[in-house]
Amino acid sequence: MGWVITAFIVGMLWGHGAGWIYAHKTVAYECEKLDAFYVGKKVFRCTAVEDRND
């Protein structure tokens, strides 16, 4: 029974990490291509912040 709980926790942690990575890549891709991304009916505009090494 203990292994079931352990497997469940590991699966939840893996799913959370995979979802976090996927969400960030999706937002970055949409910002790069469209300068915006959407959540539901709301549209968010993206602004790039560049590092300057002067």
N, C-alpha and C. Protein backbone atom coordinates (compact mmCIF):
# COMPACT_ATOMS: atom_id res chain seq x y z
N MET A 1 0.82 -1.20 0.00
CA MET A 1 0.00 0.00 0.00
C MET A 1 0.86 1.26 0.00
N GLY A 2 2.00 1.21 0.69
CA GLY A 2 2.90 2.35 0.73
C GLY A 2 3.46 2.72 -0.62
N TRP A 3 3.69 1.71 -1.47
CA TRP A 3 4.24 1.99 -2.79
C TRP A 3 3.22 2.70 -3.67
N VAL A 4 1.93 2.46 -3.43
CA VAL A 4 0.89 3.13 -4.21
C VAL A 4 0.90 4.63 -3.90
N ILE A 5 1.00 4.96 -2.64
CA ILE A 5 1.05 6.37 -2.24
C ILE A 5 2.31 7.03 -2.78
N THR A 6 3.42 6.33 -2.69
CA THR A 6 4.68 6.86 -3.22
C THR A 6 4.59 7.08 -4.72
N ALA A 7 4.04 6.11 -5.44
CA ALA A 7 3.88 6.24 -6.89
C ALA A 7 2.95 7.40 -7.23
N PHE A 8 1.90 7.57 -6.45
CA PHE A 8 0.97 8.68 -6.67
C PHE A 8 1.67 10.02 -6.49
N ILE A 9 2.43 10.16 -5.42
CA ILE A 9 3.14 11.41 -5.14
C ILE A 9 4.17 11.70 -6.23
N VAL A 10 4.92 10.68 -6.63
CA VAL A 10 5.92 10.86 -7.70
C VAL A 10 5.22 11.27 -9.00
N GLY A 11 4.11 10.64 -9.31
CA GLY A 11 3.35 10.98 -10.51
C GLY A 11 2.83 12.41 -10.48
N MET A 12 2.35 12.83 -9.33
CA MET A 12 1.86 14.20 -9.19
C MET A 12 3.00 15.21 -9.36
N LEU A 13 4.14 14.93 -8.76
CA LEU A 13 5.29 15.83 -8.89
C LEU A 13 5.78 15.88 -10.34
N TRP A 14 5.84 14.74 -10.99
CA TRP A 14 6.27 14.70 -12.38
C TRP A 14 5.28 15.47 -13.26
N GLY A 15 3.99 15.25 -13.06
CA GLY A 15 2.97 15.95 -13.84
C GLY A 15 3.01 17.46 -13.63
N HIS A 16 3.23 17.87 -12.40
CA HIS A 16 3.33 19.30 -12.10
C HIS A 16 4.53 19.91 -12.82
N GLY A 17 5.67 19.25 -12.76
CA GLY A 17 6.87 19.76 -13.43
C GLY A 17 6.70 19.80 -14.94
N ALA A 18 6.14 18.75 -15.51
CA ALA A 18 5.94 18.70 -16.96
C ALA A 18 4.96 19.78 -17.40
N GLY A 19 3.89 19.99 -16.64
CA GLY A 19 2.91 21.02 -16.96
C GLY A 19 3.50 22.42 -16.87
N TRP A 20 4.34 22.64 -15.87
CA TRP A 20 4.98 23.95 -15.68
C TRP A 20 5.89 24.26 -16.87
N ILE A 21 6.68 23.28 -17.28
CA ILE A 21 7.58 23.47 -18.42
C ILE A 21 6.78 23.71 -19.70
N TYR A 22 5.75 22.92 -19.93
CA TYR A 22 4.92 23.06 -21.14
C TYR A 22 4.24 24.43 -21.19
N ALA A 23 3.71 24.88 -20.06
CA ALA A 23 3.03 26.17 -20.02
C ALA A 23 3.99 27.31 -20.34
N HIS A 24 5.18 27.28 -19.75
CA HIS A 24 6.15 28.34 -20.00
C HIS A 24 6.62 28.34 -21.46
N LYS A 25 6.83 27.18 -22.03
CA LYS A 25 7.24 27.11 -23.43
C LYS A 25 6.14 27.61 -24.35
N THR A 26 4.89 27.29 -24.03
CA THR A 26 3.76 27.73 -24.84
C THR A 26 3.62 29.25 -24.81
N VAL A 27 3.70 29.84 -23.63
CA VAL A 27 3.61 31.30 -23.51
C VAL A 27 4.76 31.96 -24.25
N ALA A 28 5.97 31.45 -24.08
CA ALA A 28 7.12 32.03 -24.77
C ALA A 28 6.96 31.94 -26.28
N TYR A 29 6.48 30.82 -26.78
CA TYR A 29 6.28 30.64 -28.22
C TYR A 29 5.24 31.62 -28.75
N GLU A 30 4.10 31.73 -28.06
CA GLU A 30 3.05 32.63 -28.51
C GLU A 30 3.48 34.09 -28.43
N CYS A 31 4.23 34.44 -27.41
CA CYS A 31 4.74 35.81 -27.31
C CYS A 31 5.70 36.12 -28.44
N GLU A 32 6.54 35.17 -28.78
CA GLU A 32 7.51 35.37 -29.85
C GLU A 32 6.82 35.52 -31.21
N LYS A 33 5.82 34.71 -31.46
CA LYS A 33 5.16 34.71 -32.77
C LYS A 33 4.07 35.77 -32.88
N LEU A 34 3.28 35.97 -31.81
CA LEU A 34 2.10 36.83 -31.89
C LEU A 34 2.19 38.10 -31.06
N ASP A 35 3.22 38.22 -30.24
CA ASP A 35 3.34 39.32 -29.28
C ASP A 35 2.18 39.34 -28.29
N ALA A 36 1.54 38.19 -28.09
CA ALA A 36 0.44 38.09 -27.14
C ALA A 36 0.17 36.63 -26.84
N PHE A 37 -0.52 36.40 -25.73
CA PHE A 37 -1.03 35.06 -25.44
C PHE A 37 -2.39 35.22 -24.78
N TYR A 38 -3.18 34.18 -24.78
CA TYR A 38 -4.53 34.28 -24.24
C TYR A 38 -4.75 33.24 -23.15
N VAL A 39 -5.63 33.62 -22.22
CA VAL A 39 -6.10 32.71 -21.17
C VAL A 39 -7.60 32.91 -21.13
N GLY A 40 -8.32 31.90 -21.59
CA GLY A 40 -9.78 32.04 -21.68
C GLY A 40 -10.11 33.10 -22.72
N LYS A 41 -10.89 34.11 -22.30
CA LYS A 41 -11.27 35.18 -23.22
C LYS A 41 -10.36 36.40 -23.10
N LYS A 42 -9.40 36.36 -22.19
CA LYS A 42 -8.49 37.49 -21.99
C LYS A 42 -7.24 37.32 -22.86
N VAL A 43 -6.78 38.44 -23.42
CA VAL A 43 -5.56 38.45 -24.22
C VAL A 43 -4.53 39.31 -23.50
N PHE A 44 -3.34 38.78 -23.33
CA PHE A 44 -2.25 39.48 -22.66
C PHE A 44 -1.19 39.84 -23.69
N ARG A 45 -0.75 41.08 -23.69
CA ARG A 45 0.29 41.54 -24.61
C ARG A 45 1.66 41.29 -23.99
N CYS A 46 2.62 40.95 -24.82
CA CYS A 46 3.98 40.63 -24.35
C CYS A 46 4.94 41.75 -24.73
N THR A 47 5.89 42.01 -23.86
CA THR A 47 6.96 42.97 -24.11
C THR A 47 8.28 42.30 -23.78
N ALA A 48 9.20 42.31 -24.72
CA ALA A 48 10.51 41.69 -24.50
C ALA A 48 11.40 42.64 -23.71
N VAL A 49 12.14 42.10 -22.79
CA VAL A 49 13.12 42.86 -22.02
C VAL A 49 14.48 42.27 -22.36
N GLU A 50 15.30 43.08 -23.02
CA GLU A 50 16.61 42.61 -23.47
C GLU A 50 17.68 43.02 -22.47
N ASP A 51 18.64 42.16 -22.23
CA ASP A 51 19.80 42.51 -21.41
C ASP A 51 20.78 43.29 -22.26
N ARG A 52 21.32 44.34 -21.68
CA ARG A 52 22.32 45.13 -22.38
C ARG A 52 23.66 44.96 -21.70
N ASN A 53 24.64 44.63 -22.47
CA ASN A 53 26.00 44.50 -21.96
C ASN A 53 26.86 45.59 -22.58
N ASP A 54 26.69 46.81 -22.07
CA ASP A 54 27.46 47.95 -22.60
C ASP A 54 28.73 48.16 -21.83
